[in-house]
Amino acid sequence: MVESIVSSALIWFVGLLVGAVGIAAGAKLLLDRDTGFRRAILTALIGATVWALVSYFIGGIPLIGPILMLIIWIGVINWIYPGGWGTAAGIGLVAWLVAVGILFALSTVGVVTPDALGIPGV
């Protein structure tokens, strides 16, 4: 039981860090300035929480649920970072690509499984 809790906490923490690294990379690339890693962690934390809540309530609605979940997640990025919806979508796309790359590398060496994510839907 304790091992399961520790494992879950570790997966959550790695996911949060991977998501934050991805968001920070997207923000740095699209905003062309350092916006701070704390902001990326906050964005990953709020984004994942909002994603989970929206998923719970409307995620099961075919097509509409996942689209609304994605729009709301991008909305969190838009709320926290300057630049508008286009920039937020770009940050989200870069974050997703970076997270996939990091998790692929980590799973290749056996550190994590690909389900350890801080970016929803990866």
PDB file of N, CA and C in Angstrom:
ATOM      1  N   MET A   1       0.826  -1.194   0.000  1.00  0.00           N
ATOM      2  CA  MET A   1       0.000   0.000   0.000  1.00  0.00           C
ATOM      3  C   MET A   1       0.864   1.250   0.000  1.00  0.00           C
ATOM      4  N   VAL A   2       1.858   1.313   0.886  1.00  0.00           N
ATOM      5  CA  VAL A   2       2.738   2.475   0.953  1.00  0.00           C
ATOM      6  C   VAL A   2       3.521   2.610  -0.350  1.00  0.00           C
ATOM      7  N   GLU A   3       3.947   1.473  -0.895  1.00  0.00           N
ATOM      8  CA  GLU A   3       4.685   1.494  -2.159  1.00  0.00           C
ATOM      9  C   GLU A   3       3.828   2.069  -3.282  1.00  0.00           C
ATOM     10  N   SER A   4       2.549   1.738  -3.288  1.00  0.00           N
ATOM     11  CA  SER A   4       1.624   2.244  -4.299  1.00  0.00           C
ATOM     12  C   SER A   4       1.461   3.761  -4.180  1.00  0.00           C
ATOM     13  N   ILE A   5       1.363   4.240  -2.956  1.00  0.00           N
ATOM     14  CA  ILE A   5       1.219   5.680  -2.727  1.00  0.00           C
ATOM     15  C   ILE A   5       2.485   6.411  -3.155  1.00  0.00           C
ATOM     16  N   VAL A   6       3.631   5.870  -2.801  1.00  0.00           N
ATOM     17  CA  VAL A   6       4.909   6.484  -3.182  1.00  0.00           C
ATOM     18  C   VAL A   6       5.058   6.486  -4.702  1.00  0.00           C
ATOM     19  N   SER A   7       4.695   5.383  -5.342  1.00  0.00           N
ATOM     20  CA  SER A   7       4.776   5.287  -6.796  1.00  0.00           C
ATOM     21  C   SER A   7       3.865   6.313  -7.469  1.00  0.00           C
ATOM     22  N   SER A   8       2.651   6.435  -6.982  1.00  0.00           N
ATOM     23  CA  SER A   8       1.716   7.412  -7.538  1.00  0.00           C
ATOM     24  C   SER A   8       2.217   8.835  -7.350  1.00  0.00           C
ATOM     25  N   ALA A   9       2.750   9.124  -6.180  1.00  0.00           N
ATOM     26  CA  ALA A   9       3.285  10.465  -5.913  1.00  0.00           C
ATOM     27  C   ALA A   9       4.472  10.764  -6.821  1.00  0.00           C
ATOM     28  N   LEU A  10       5.315   9.791  -7.045  1.00  0.00           N
ATOM     29  CA  LEU A  10       6.467   9.972  -7.919  1.00  0.00           C
ATOM     30  C   LEU A  10       6.027  10.210  -9.359  1.00  0.00           C
ATOM     31  N   ILE A  11       5.057   9.459  -9.834  1.00  0.00           N
ATOM     32  CA  ILE A  11       4.529   9.648 -11.189  1.00  0.00           C
ATOM     33  C   ILE A  11       3.921  11.039 -11.326  1.00  0.00           C
ATOM     34  N   TRP A  12       3.166  11.463 -10.325  1.00  0.00           N
ATOM     35  CA  TRP A  12       2.571  12.801 -10.352  1.00  0.00           C
ATOM     36  C   TRP A  12       3.655  13.875 -10.398  1.00  0.00           C
ATOM     37  N   PHE A  13       4.686  13.736  -9.584  1.00  0.00           N
ATOM     38  CA  PHE A  13       5.765  14.718  -9.518  1.00  0.00           C
ATOM     39  C   PHE A  13       6.542  14.779 -10.831  1.00  0.00           C
ATOM     40  N   VAL A  14       6.888  13.620 -11.377  1.00  0.00           N
ATOM     41  CA  VAL A  14       7.607  13.590 -12.657  1.00  0.00           C
ATOM     42  C   VAL A  14       6.731  14.205 -13.749  1.00  0.00           C
ATOM     43  N   GLY A  15       5.456  13.876 -13.741  1.00  0.00           N
ATOM     44  CA  GLY A  15       4.531  14.455 -14.708  1.00  0.00           C
ATOM     45  C   GLY A  15       4.447  15.959 -14.606  1.00  0.00           C
ATOM     46  N   LEU A  16       4.401  16.457 -13.385  1.00  0.00           N
ATOM     47  CA  LEU A  16       4.366  17.905 -13.170  1.00  0.00           C
ATOM     48  C   LEU A  16       5.634  18.562 -13.708  1.00  0.00           C
ATOM     49  N   LEU A  17       6.780  17.970 -13.412  1.00  0.00           N
ATOM     50  CA  LEU A  17       8.041  18.533 -13.902  1.00  0.00           C
ATOM     51  C   LEU A  17       8.148  18.476 -15.423  1.00  0.00           C
ATOM     52  N   VAL A  18       7.758  17.357 -16.006  1.00  0.00           N
ATOM     53  CA  VAL A  18       7.809  17.226 -17.466  1.00  0.00           C
ATOM     54  C   VAL A  18       6.873  18.247 -18.113  1.00  0.00           C
ATOM     55  N   GLY A  19       5.683  18.384 -17.576  1.00  0.00           N
ATOM     56  CA  GLY A  19       4.740  19.374 -18.098  1.00  0.00           C
ATOM     57  C   GLY A  19       5.275  20.784 -17.970  1.00  0.00           C
ATOM     58  N   ALA A  20       5.873  21.086 -16.835  1.00  0.00           N
ATOM     59  CA  ALA A  20       6.422  22.427 -16.607  1.00  0.00           C
ATOM     60  C   ALA A  20       7.583  22.710 -17.555  1.00  0.00           C
ATOM     61  N   VAL A  21       8.446  21.722 -17.782  1.00  0.00           N
ATOM     62  CA  VAL A  21       9.561  21.900 -18.723  1.00  0.00           C
ATOM     63  C   VAL A  21       9.007  22.180 -20.123  1.00  0.00           C
ATOM     64  N   GLY A  22       7.999  21.429 -20.526  1.00  0.00           N
ATOM     65  CA  GLY A  22       7.390  21.641 -21.838  1.00  0.00           C
ATOM     66  C   GLY A  22       6.758  23.013 -21.969  1.00  0.00           C
ATOM     67  N   ILE A  23       6.030  23.422 -20.963  1.00  0.00           N
ATOM     68  CA  ILE A  23       5.383  24.736 -20.988  1.00  0.00           C
ATOM     69  C   ILE A  23       6.434  25.843 -20.974  1.00  0.00           C
ATOM     70  N   ALA A  24       7.469  25.681 -20.166  1.00  0.00           N
ATOM     71  CA  ALA A  24       8.547  26.686 -20.124  1.00  0.00           C
ATOM     72  C   ALA A  24       9.232  26.793 -21.485  1.00  0.00           C
ATOM     73  N   ALA A  25       9.451  25.654 -22.144  1.00  0.00           N
ATOM     74  CA  ALA A  25      10.085  25.663 -23.470  1.00  0.00           C
ATOM     75  C   ALA A  25       9.187  26.368 -24.485  1.00  0.00           C
ATOM     76  N   GLY A  26       7.900  26.069 -24.442  1.00  0.00           N
ATOM     77  CA  GLY A  26       6.959  26.725 -25.351  1.00  0.00           C
ATOM     78  C   GLY A  26       6.883  28.218 -25.125  1.00  0.00           C
ATOM     79  N   ALA A  27       6.848  28.619 -23.859  1.00  0.00           N
ATOM     80  CA  ALA A  27       6.799  30.047 -23.536  1.00  0.00           C
ATOM     81  C   ALA A  27       8.077  30.746 -23.986  1.00  0.00           C
ATOM     82  N   LYS A  28       9.220  30.120 -23.736  1.00  0.00           N
ATOM     83  CA  LYS A  28      10.503  30.708 -24.131  1.00  0.00           C
ATOM     84  C   LYS A  28      10.584  30.855 -25.651  1.00  0.00           C
ATOM     85  N   LEU A  29      10.132  29.833 -26.371  1.00  0.00           N
ATOM     86  CA  LEU A  29      10.193  29.849 -27.826  1.00  0.00           C
ATOM     87  C   LEU A  29       9.244  30.882 -28.426  1.00  0.00           C
ATOM     88  N   LEU A  30       8.023  30.930 -27.936  1.00  0.00           N
ATOM     89  CA  LEU A  30       7.022  31.805 -28.547  1.00  0.00           C
ATOM     90  C   LEU A  30       7.007  33.228 -27.994  1.00  0.00           C
ATOM     91  N   LEU A  31       7.393  33.382 -26.748  1.00  0.00           N
ATOM     92  CA  LEU A  31       7.393  34.728 -26.164  1.00  0.00           C
ATOM     93  C   LEU A  31       8.761  35.383 -26.248  1.00  0.00           C
ATOM     94  N   ASP A  32       9.775  34.597 -26.561  1.00  0.00           N
ATOM     95  CA  ASP A  32      11.148  35.068 -26.723  1.00  0.00           C
ATOM     96  C   ASP A  32      11.664  35.822 -25.499  1.00  0.00           C
ATOM     97  N   ARG A  33      11.281  35.326 -24.335  1.00  0.00           N
ATOM     98  CA  ARG A  33      11.799  35.874 -23.082  1.00  0.00           C
ATOM     99  C   ARG A  33      11.586  34.845 -21.985  1.00  0.00           C
ATOM    100  N   ASP A  34      12.350  35.001 -20.943  1.00  0.00           N
ATOM    101  CA  ASP A  34      12.235  34.074 -19.823  1.00  0.00           C
ATOM    102  C   ASP A  34      11.063  34.511 -18.957  1.00  0.00           C
ATOM    103  N   THR A  35      10.092  33.638 -18.825  1.00  0.00           N
ATOM    104  CA  THR A  35       8.924  33.967 -18.006  1.00  0.00           C
ATOM    105  C   THR A  35       8.974  33.278 -16.651  1.00  0.00           C
ATOM    106  N   GLY A  36      10.020  32.509 -16.416  1.00  0.00           N
ATOM    107  CA  GLY A  36      10.205  31.874 -15.116  1.00  0.00           C
ATOM    108  C   GLY A  36       9.647  30.465 -15.054  1.00  0.00           C
ATOM    109  N   PHE A  37      10.411  29.588 -14.424  1.00  0.00           N
ATOM    110  CA  PHE A  37      10.002  28.191 -14.301  1.00  0.00           C
ATOM    111  C   PHE A  37       8.851  28.039 -13.307  1.00  0.00           C
ATOM    112  N   ARG A  38       8.784  28.906 -12.312  1.00  0.00           N
ATOM    113  CA  ARG A  38       7.665  28.823 -11.350  1.00  0.00           C
ATOM    114  C   ARG A  38       6.325  29.034 -12.044  1.00  0.00           C
ATOM    115  N   ARG A  39       6.307  29.942 -13.008  1.00  0.00           N
ATOM    116  CA  ARG A  39       5.079  30.191 -13.760  1.00  0.00           C
ATOM    117  C   ARG A  39       4.700  28.946 -14.565  1.00  0.00           C
ATOM    118  N   ALA A  40       5.700  28.266 -15.115  1.00  0.00           N
ATOM    119  CA  ALA A  40       5.436  27.039 -15.878  1.00  0.00           C
ATOM    120  C   ALA A  40       4.901  25.936 -14.966  1.00  0.00           C
ATOM    121  N   ILE A  41       5.461  25.814 -13.765  1.00  0.00           N
ATOM    122  CA  ILE A  41       4.961  24.821 -12.806  1.00  0.00           C
ATOM    123  C   ILE A  41       3.517  25.142 -12.416  1.00  0.00           C
ATOM    124  N   LEU A  42       3.254  26.409 -12.141  1.00  0.00           N
ATOM    125  CA  LEU A  42       1.896  26.827 -11.793  1.00  0.00           C
ATOM    126  C   LEU A  42       0.933  26.518 -12.935  1.00  0.00           C
ATOM    127  N   THR A  43       1.350  26.805 -14.158  1.00  0.00           N
ATOM    128  CA  THR A  43       0.510  26.538 -15.326  1.00  0.00           C
ATOM    129  C   THR A  43       0.248  25.045 -15.473  1.00  0.00           C
ATOM    130  N   ALA A  44       1.289  24.229 -15.325  1.00  0.00           N
ATOM    131  CA  ALA A  44       1.122  22.772 -15.428  1.00  0.00           C
ATOM    132  C   ALA A  44       0.186  22.256 -14.338  1.00  0.00           C
ATOM    133  N   LEU A  45       0.337  22.768 -13.146  1.00  0.00           N
ATOM    134  CA  LEU A  45      -0.496  22.333 -12.024  1.00  0.00           C
ATOM    135  C   LEU A  45      -1.958  22.726 -12.227  1.00  0.00           C
ATOM    136  N   ILE A  46      -2.199  23.986 -12.538  1.00  0.00           N
ATOM    137  CA  ILE A  46      -3.576  24.455 -12.757  1.00  0.00           C
ATOM    138  C   ILE A  46      -4.168  23.781 -13.992  1.00  0.00           C
ATOM    139  N   GLY A  47      -3.365  23.704 -15.067  1.00  0.00           N
ATOM    140  CA  GLY A  47      -3.854  23.092 -16.303  1.00  0.00           C
ATOM    141  C   GLY A  47      -4.252  21.645 -16.120  1.00  0.00           C
ATOM    142  N   ALA A  48      -3.437  20.868 -15.431  1.00  0.00           N
ATOM    143  CA  ALA A  48      -3.754  19.458 -15.200  1.00  0.00           C
ATOM    144  C   ALA A  48      -4.972  19.303 -14.294  1.00  0.00           C
ATOM    145  N   THR A  49      -5.098  20.173 -13.305  1.00  0.00           N
ATOM    146  CA  THR A  49      -6.252  20.121 -12.397  1.00  0.00           C
ATOM    147  C   THR A  49      -7.540  20.455 -13.138  1.00  0.00           C
ATOM    148  N   VAL A  50      -7.504  21.530 -13.923  1.00  0.00           N
ATOM    149  CA  VAL A  50      -8.681  21.920 -14.697  1.00  0.00           C
ATOM    150  C   VAL A  50      -9.027  20.836 -15.718  1.00  0.00           C
ATOM    151  N   TRP A  51      -8.001  20.278 -16.361  1.00  0.00           N
ATOM    152  CA  TRP A  51      -8.222  19.193 -17.331  1.00  0.00           C
ATOM    153  C   TRP A  51      -8.939  18.023 -16.658  1.00  0.00           C
ATOM    154  N   ALA A  52      -8.463  17.644 -15.482  1.00  0.00           N
ATOM    155  CA  ALA A  52      -9.062  16.512 -14.774  1.00  0.00           C
ATOM    156  C   ALA A  52     -10.515  16.800 -14.401  1.00  0.00           C
ATOM    157  N   LEU A  53     -10.788  17.998 -13.914  1.00  0.00           N
ATOM    158  CA  LEU A  53     -12.161  18.354 -13.524  1.00  0.00           C
ATOM    159  C   LEU A  53     -13.095  18.384 -14.730  1.00  0.00           C
ATOM    160  N   VAL A  54     -12.656  19.024 -15.795  1.00  0.00           N
ATOM    161  CA  VAL A  54     -13.489  19.094 -16.996  1.00  0.00           C
ATOM    162  C   VAL A  54     -13.680  17.700 -17.579  1.00  0.00           C
ATOM    163  N   SER A  55     -12.626  16.901 -17.558  1.00  0.00           N
ATOM    164  CA  SER A  55     -12.710  15.529 -18.054  1.00  0.00           C
ATOM    165  C   SER A  55     -13.746  14.733 -17.263  1.00  0.00           C
ATOM    166  N   TYR A  56     -13.755  14.924 -15.968  1.00  0.00           N
ATOM    167  CA  TYR A  56     -14.691  14.195 -15.113  1.00  0.00           C
ATOM    168  C   TYR A  56     -16.144  14.546 -15.458  1.00  0.00           C
ATOM    169  N   PHE A  57     -16.400  15.838 -15.684  1.00  0.00           N
ATOM    170  CA  PHE A  57     -17.779  16.276 -15.892  1.00  0.00           C
ATOM    171  C   PHE A  57     -18.252  16.158 -17.340  1.00  0.00           C
ATOM    172  N   ILE A  58     -17.385  16.467 -18.312  1.00  0.00           N
ATOM    173  CA  ILE A  58     -17.862  16.451 -19.701  1.00  0.00           C
ATOM    174  C   ILE A  58     -16.951  15.666 -20.647  1.00  0.00           C
ATOM    175  N   GLY A  59     -15.898  15.081 -20.138  1.00  0.00           N
ATOM    176  CA  GLY A  59     -14.946  14.377 -20.991  1.00  0.00           C
ATOM    177  C   GLY A  59     -15.528  13.201 -21.735  1.00  0.00           C
ATOM    178  N   GLY A  60     -16.595  12.632 -21.228  1.00  0.00           N
ATOM    179  CA  GLY A  60     -17.190  11.462 -21.859  1.00  0.00           C
ATOM    180  C   GLY A  60     -18.106  11.778 -23.019  1.00  0.00           C
ATOM    181  N   ILE A  61     -18.376  13.051 -23.260  1.00  0.00           N
ATOM    182  CA  ILE A  61     -19.228  13.425 -24.389  1.00  0.00           C
ATOM    183  C   ILE A  61     -18.394  13.278 -25.668  1.00  0.00           C
ATOM    184  N   PRO A  62     -18.801  12.410 -26.568  1.00  0.00           N
ATOM    185  CA  PRO A  62     -17.997  12.190 -27.779  1.00  0.00           C
ATOM    186  C   PRO A  62     -17.730  13.488 -28.539  1.00  0.00           C
ATOM    187  N   LEU A  63     -16.531  13.655 -28.965  1.00  0.00           N
ATOM    188  CA  LEU A  63     -16.009  14.767 -29.744  1.00  0.00           C
ATOM    189  C   LEU A  63     -16.046  16.110 -29.003  1.00  0.00           C
ATOM    190  N   ILE A  64     -17.187  16.482 -28.471  1.00  0.00           N
ATOM    191  CA  ILE A  64     -17.319  17.777 -27.802  1.00  0.00           C
ATOM    192  C   ILE A  64     -16.509  17.818 -26.510  1.00  0.00           C
ATOM    193  N   GLY A  65     -16.562  16.759 -25.714  1.00  0.00           N
ATOM    194  CA  GLY A  65     -15.839  16.724 -24.438  1.00  0.00           C
ATOM    195  C   GLY A  65     -14.350  16.946 -24.597  1.00  0.00           C
ATOM    196  N   PRO A  66     -13.665  16.138 -25.418  1.00  0.00           N
ATOM    197  CA  PRO A  66     -12.222  16.342 -25.589  1.00  0.00           C
ATOM    198  C   PRO A  66     -11.858  17.704 -26.181  1.00  0.00           C
ATOM    199  N   ILE A  67     -12.673  18.203 -27.098  1.00  0.00           N
ATOM    200  CA  ILE A  67     -12.397  19.518 -27.687  1.00  0.00           C
ATOM    201  C   ILE A  67     -12.529  20.609 -26.622  1.00  0.00           C
ATOM    202  N   LEU A  68     -13.568  20.543 -25.816  1.00  0.00           N
ATOM    203  CA  LEU A  68     -13.739  21.526 -24.738  1.00  0.00           C
ATOM    204  C   LEU A  68     -12.608  21.427 -23.711  1.00  0.00           C
ATOM    205  N   MET A  69     -12.176  20.205 -23.419  1.00  0.00           N
ATOM    206  CA  MET A  69     -11.074  20.025 -22.469  1.00  0.00           C
ATOM    207  C   MET A  69      -9.818  20.702 -22.997  1.00  0.00           C
ATOM    208  N   LEU A  70      -9.522  20.522 -24.274  1.00  0.00           N
ATOM    209  CA  LEU A  70      -8.344  21.132 -24.878  1.00  0.00           C
ATOM    210  C   LEU A  70      -8.458  22.652 -24.899  1.00  0.00           C
ATOM    211  N   ILE A  71      -9.619  23.163 -25.263  1.00  0.00           N
ATOM    212  CA  ILE A  71      -9.823  24.616 -25.300  1.00  0.00           C
ATOM    213  C   ILE A  71      -9.654  25.216 -23.905  1.00  0.00           C
ATOM    214  N   ILE A  72     -10.183  24.558 -22.909  1.00  0.00           N
ATOM    215  CA  ILE A  72     -10.063  25.067 -21.538  1.00  0.00           C
ATOM    216  C   ILE A  72      -8.618  25.004 -21.067  1.00  0.00           C
ATOM    217  N   TRP A  73      -7.880  23.936 -21.411  1.00  0.00           N
ATOM    218  CA  TRP A  73      -6.459  23.840 -21.051  1.00  0.00           C
ATOM    219  C   TRP A  73      -5.665  24.967 -21.711  1.00  0.00           C
ATOM    220  N   ILE A  74      -5.932  25.227 -22.989  1.00  0.00           N
ATOM    221  CA  ILE A  74      -5.273  26.343 -23.674  1.00  0.00           C
ATOM    222  C   ILE A  74      -5.693  27.659 -23.032  1.00  0.00           C
ATOM    223  N   GLY A  75      -6.928  27.731 -22.573  1.00  0.00           N
ATOM    224  CA  GLY A  75      -7.400  28.929 -21.866  1.00  0.00           C
ATOM    225  C   GLY A  75      -6.613  29.206 -20.595  1.00  0.00           C
ATOM    226  N   VAL A  76      -6.229  28.148 -19.891  1.00  0.00           N
ATOM    227  CA  VAL A  76      -5.392  28.321 -18.692  1.00  0.00           C
ATOM    228  C   VAL A  76      -4.047  28.926 -19.090  1.00  0.00           C
ATOM    229  N   ILE A  77      -3.458  28.399 -20.160  1.00  0.00           N
ATOM    230  CA  ILE A  77      -2.181  28.954 -20.637  1.00  0.00           C
ATOM    231  C   ILE A  77      -2.372  30.408 -21.036  1.00  0.00           C
ATOM    232  N   ASN A  78      -3.457  30.709 -21.742  1.00  0.00           N
ATOM    233  CA  ASN A  78      -3.753  32.080 -22.159  1.00  0.00           C
ATOM    234  C   ASN A  78      -3.925  33.011 -20.964  1.00  0.00           C
ATOM    235  N   TRP A  79      -4.516  32.494 -19.911  1.00  0.00           N
ATOM    236  CA  TRP A  79      -4.757  33.288 -18.705  1.00  0.00           C
ATOM    237  C   TRP A  79      -3.441  33.620 -17.999  1.00  0.00           C
ATOM    238  N   ILE A  80      -2.491  32.689 -18.007  1.00  0.00           N
ATOM    239  CA  ILE A  80      -1.256  32.860 -17.250  1.00  0.00           C
ATOM    240  C   ILE A  80      -0.161  33.553 -18.066  1.00  0.00           C
ATOM    241  N   TYR A  81      -0.158  33.371 -19.377  1.00  0.00           N
ATOM    242  CA  TYR A  81       0.894  33.952 -20.220  1.00  0.00           C
ATOM    243  C   TYR A  81       0.322  35.037 -21.124  1.00  0.00           C
ATOM    244  N   PRO A  82       1.140  36.038 -21.447  1.00  0.00           N
ATOM    245  CA  PRO A  82       0.691  37.076 -22.375  1.00  0.00           C
ATOM    246  C   PRO A  82       0.705  36.563 -23.811  1.00  0.00           C
ATOM    247  N   GLY A  83      -0.001  37.251 -24.699  1.00  0.00           N
ATOM    248  CA  GLY A  83       0.113  36.938 -26.116  1.00  0.00           C
ATOM    249  C   GLY A  83      -1.159  36.487 -26.802  1.00  0.00           C
ATOM    250  N   GLY A  84      -2.195  36.183 -26.085  1.00  0.00           N
ATOM    251  CA  GLY A  84      -3.449  35.796 -26.718  1.00  0.00           C
ATOM    252  C   GLY A  84      -3.590  34.304 -26.958  1.00  0.00           C
ATOM    253  N   TRP A  85      -4.719  33.953 -27.572  1.00  0.00           N
ATOM    254  CA  TRP A  85      -5.080  32.552 -27.774  1.00  0.00           C
ATOM    255  C   TRP A  85      -4.142  31.836 -28.742  1.00  0.00           C
ATOM    256  N   GLY A  86      -3.694  32.504 -29.784  1.00  0.00           N
ATOM    257  CA  GLY A  86      -2.781  31.879 -30.739  1.00  0.00           C
ATOM    258  C   GLY A  86      -1.461  31.507 -30.084  1.00  0.00           C
ATOM    259  N   THR A  87      -0.932  32.423 -29.290  1.00  0.00           N
ATOM    260  CA  THR A  87       0.310  32.157 -28.569  1.00  0.00           C
ATOM    261  C   THR A  87       0.111  31.024 -27.564  1.00  0.00           C
ATOM    262  N   ALA A  88      -1.027  31.044 -26.871  1.00  0.00           N
ATOM    263  CA  ALA A  88      -1.311  29.989 -25.890  1.00  0.00           C
ATOM    264  C   ALA A  88      -1.404  28.625 -26.572  1.00  0.00           C
ATOM    265  N   ALA A  89      -2.046  28.563 -27.730  1.00  0.00           N
ATOM    266  CA  ALA A  89      -2.133  27.291 -28.464  1.00  0.00           C
ATOM    267  C   ALA A  89      -0.748  26.838 -28.903  1.00  0.00           C
ATOM    268  N   GLY A  90       0.084  27.776 -29.325  1.00  0.00           N
ATOM    269  CA  GLY A  90       1.452  27.442 -29.711  1.00  0.00           C
ATOM    270  C   GLY A  90       2.266  26.928 -28.539  1.00  0.00           C
ATOM    271  N   ILE A  91       2.124  27.584 -27.392  1.00  0.00           N
ATOM    272  CA  ILE A  91       2.813  27.128 -26.182  1.00  0.00           C
ATOM    273  C   ILE A  91       2.356  25.716 -25.828  1.00  0.00           C
ATOM    274  N   GLY A  92       1.053  25.470 -25.919  1.00  0.00           N
ATOM    275  CA  GLY A  92       0.520  24.144 -25.636  1.00  0.00           C
ATOM    276  C   GLY A  92       1.059  23.088 -26.589  1.00  0.00           C
ATOM    277  N   LEU A  93       1.162  23.418 -27.872  1.00  0.00           N
ATOM    278  CA  LEU A  93       1.683  22.473 -28.854  1.00  0.00           C
ATOM    279  C   LEU A  93       3.154  22.159 -28.583  1.00  0.00           C
ATOM    280  N   VAL A  94       3.952  23.182 -28.341  1.00  0.00           N
ATOM    281  CA  VAL A  94       5.368  22.967 -28.027  1.00  0.00           C
ATOM    282  C   VAL A  94       5.496  22.158 -26.740  1.00  0.00           C
ATOM    283  N   ALA A  95       4.683  22.496 -25.741  1.00  0.00           N
ATOM    284  CA  ALA A  95       4.723  21.765 -24.466  1.00  0.00           C
ATOM    285  C   ALA A  95       4.422  20.291 -24.686  1.00  0.00           C
ATOM    286  N   TRP A  96       3.439  19.997 -25.502  1.00  0.00           N
ATOM    287  CA  TRP A  96       3.076  18.607 -25.784  1.00  0.00           C
ATOM    288  C   TRP A  96       4.221  17.884 -26.476  1.00  0.00           C
ATOM    289  N   LEU A  97       4.823  18.527 -27.487  1.00  0.00           N
ATOM    290  CA  LEU A  97       5.935  17.898 -28.215  1.00  0.00           C
ATOM    291  C   LEU A  97       7.141  17.655 -27.305  1.00  0.00           C
ATOM    292  N   VAL A  98       7.466  18.633 -26.476  1.00  0.00           N
ATOM    293  CA  VAL A  98       8.594  18.481 -25.547  1.00  0.00           C
ATOM    294  C   VAL A  98       8.304  17.363 -24.547  1.00  0.00           C
ATOM    295  N   ALA A  99       7.081  17.327 -24.021  1.00  0.00           N
ATOM    296  CA  ALA A  99       6.718  16.285 -23.052  1.00  0.00           C
ATOM    297  C   ALA A  99       6.807  14.901 -23.681  1.00  0.00           C
ATOM    298  N   VAL A 100       6.334  14.763 -24.901  1.00  0.00           N
ATOM    299  CA  VAL A 100       6.421  13.463 -25.583  1.00  0.00           C
ATOM    300  C   VAL A 100       7.883  13.063 -25.738  1.00  0.00           C
ATOM    301  N   GLY A 101       8.736  14.005 -26.137  1.00  0.00           N
ATOM    302  CA  GLY A 101      10.157  13.714 -26.299  1.00  0.00           C
ATOM    303  C   GLY A 101      10.824  13.303 -25.000  1.00  0.00           C
ATOM    304  N   ILE A 102      10.557  14.044 -23.936  1.00  0.00           N
ATOM    305  CA  ILE A 102      11.149  13.736 -22.633  1.00  0.00           C
ATOM    306  C   ILE A 102      10.672  12.373 -22.140  1.00  0.00           C
ATOM    307  N   LEU A 103       9.378  12.145 -22.224  1.00  0.00           N
ATOM    308  CA  LEU A 103       8.838  10.876 -21.725  1.00  0.00           C
ATOM    309  C   LEU A 103       9.278   9.691 -22.574  1.00  0.00           C
ATOM    310  N   PHE A 104       9.430   9.900 -23.868  1.00  0.00           N
ATOM    311  CA  PHE A 104       9.955   8.830 -24.710  1.00  0.00           C
ATOM    312  C   PHE A 104      11.375   8.479 -24.273  1.00  0.00           C
ATOM    313  N   ALA A 105      12.190   9.516 -24.059  1.00  0.00           N
ATOM    314  CA  ALA A 105      13.573   9.283 -23.630  1.00  0.00           C
ATOM    315  C   ALA A 105      13.607   8.589 -22.268  1.00  0.00           C
ATOM    316  N   LEU A 106      12.803   9.056 -21.325  1.00  0.00           N
ATOM    317  CA  LEU A 106      12.783   8.452 -19.988  1.00  0.00           C
ATOM    318  C   LEU A 106      12.247   7.023 -20.012  1.00  0.00           C
ATOM    319  N   SER A 107      11.246   6.766 -20.846  1.00  0.00           N
ATOM    320  CA  SER A 107      10.703   5.406 -20.901  1.00  0.00           C
ATOM    321  C   SER A 107      11.653   4.464 -21.638  1.00  0.00           C
ATOM    322  N   THR A 108      12.432   4.999 -22.562  1.00  0.00           N
ATOM    323  CA  THR A 108      13.411   4.172 -23.280  1.00  0.00           C
ATOM    324  C   THR A 108      14.471   3.623 -22.332  1.00  0.00           C
ATOM    325  N   VAL A 109      14.874   4.430 -21.357  1.00  0.00           N
ATOM    326  CA  VAL A 109      15.879   3.973 -20.394  1.00  0.00           C
ATOM    327  C   VAL A 109      15.241   3.345 -19.159  1.00  0.00           C
ATOM    328  N   GLY A 110      13.906   3.221 -19.150  1.00  0.00           N
ATOM    329  CA  GLY A 110      13.215   2.519 -18.079  1.00  0.00           C
ATOM    330  C   GLY A 110      12.985   3.313 -16.809  1.00  0.00           C
ATOM    331  N   VAL A 111      13.098   4.642 -16.882  1.00  0.00           N
ATOM    332  CA  VAL A 111      12.891   5.464 -15.685  1.00  0.00           C
ATOM    333  C   VAL A 111      11.409   5.613 -15.371  1.00  0.00           C
ATOM    334  N   VAL A 112      10.601   5.857 -16.391  1.00  0.00           N
ATOM    335  CA  VAL A 112       9.158   6.016 -16.215  1.00  0.00           C
ATOM    336  C   VAL A 112       8.436   5.268 -17.326  1.00  0.00           C
ATOM    337  N   THR A 113       7.129   5.162 -17.157  1.00  0.00           N
ATOM    338  CA  THR A 113       6.292   4.670 -18.241  1.00  0.00           C
ATOM    339  C   THR A 113       5.703   5.883 -18.941  1.00  0.00           C
ATOM    340  N   PRO A 114       5.287   5.757 -20.194  1.00  0.00           N
ATOM    341  CA  PRO A 114       4.789   6.917 -20.927  1.00  0.00           C
ATOM    342  C   PRO A 114       3.552   7.573 -20.327  1.00  0.00           C
ATOM    343  N   ASP A 115       2.898   6.964 -19.350  1.00  0.00           N
ATOM    344  CA  ASP A 115       1.710   7.589 -18.770  1.00  0.00           C
ATOM    345  C   ASP A 115       2.021   8.623 -17.693  1.00  0.00           C
ATOM    346  N   ALA A 116       3.292   8.858 -17.405  1.00  0.00           N
ATOM    347  CA  ALA A 116       3.680   9.871 -16.406  1.00  0.00           C
ATOM    348  C   ALA A 116       3.723  11.223 -17.090  1.00  0.00           C
ATOM    349  N   LEU A 117       2.623  11.939 -17.035  1.00  0.00           N
ATOM    350  CA  LEU A 117       2.540  13.191 -17.778  1.00  0.00           C
ATOM    351  C   LEU A 117       1.983  14.336 -16.960  1.00  0.00           C
ATOM    352  N   GLY A 118       2.482  15.533 -17.289  1.00  0.00           N
ATOM    353  CA  GLY A 118       1.924  16.752 -16.720  1.00  0.00           C
ATOM    354  C   GLY A 118       1.205  17.545 -17.774  1.00  0.00           C
ATOM    355  N   ILE A 119       1.191  17.012 -18.943  1.00  0.00           N
ATOM    356  CA  ILE A 119       0.462  17.641 -20.032  1.00  0.00           C
ATOM    357  C   ILE A 119      -0.663  16.704 -20.416  1.00  0.00           C
ATOM    358  N   PRO A 120      -1.887  17.158 -20.352  1.00  0.00           N
ATOM    359  CA  PRO A 120      -3.024  16.298 -20.593  1.00  0.00           C
ATOM    360  C   PRO A 120      -3.030  15.697 -21.980  1.00  0.00           C
ATOM    361  N   GLY A 121      -3.516  14.476 -22.046  1.00  0.00           N
ATOM    362  CA  GLY A 121      -3.741  13.825 -23.310  1.00  0.00           C
ATOM    363  C   GLY A 121      -2.542  13.189 -23.967  1.00  0.00           C
ATOM    364  N   VAL A 122      -1.390  13.205 -23.352  1.00  0.00           N
ATOM    365  CA  VAL A 122      -0.211  12.593 -23.953  1.00  0.00           C
ATOM    366  C   VAL A 122      -0.068  11.185 -23.430  1.00  0.00           C
TER     367      VAL A 122
END
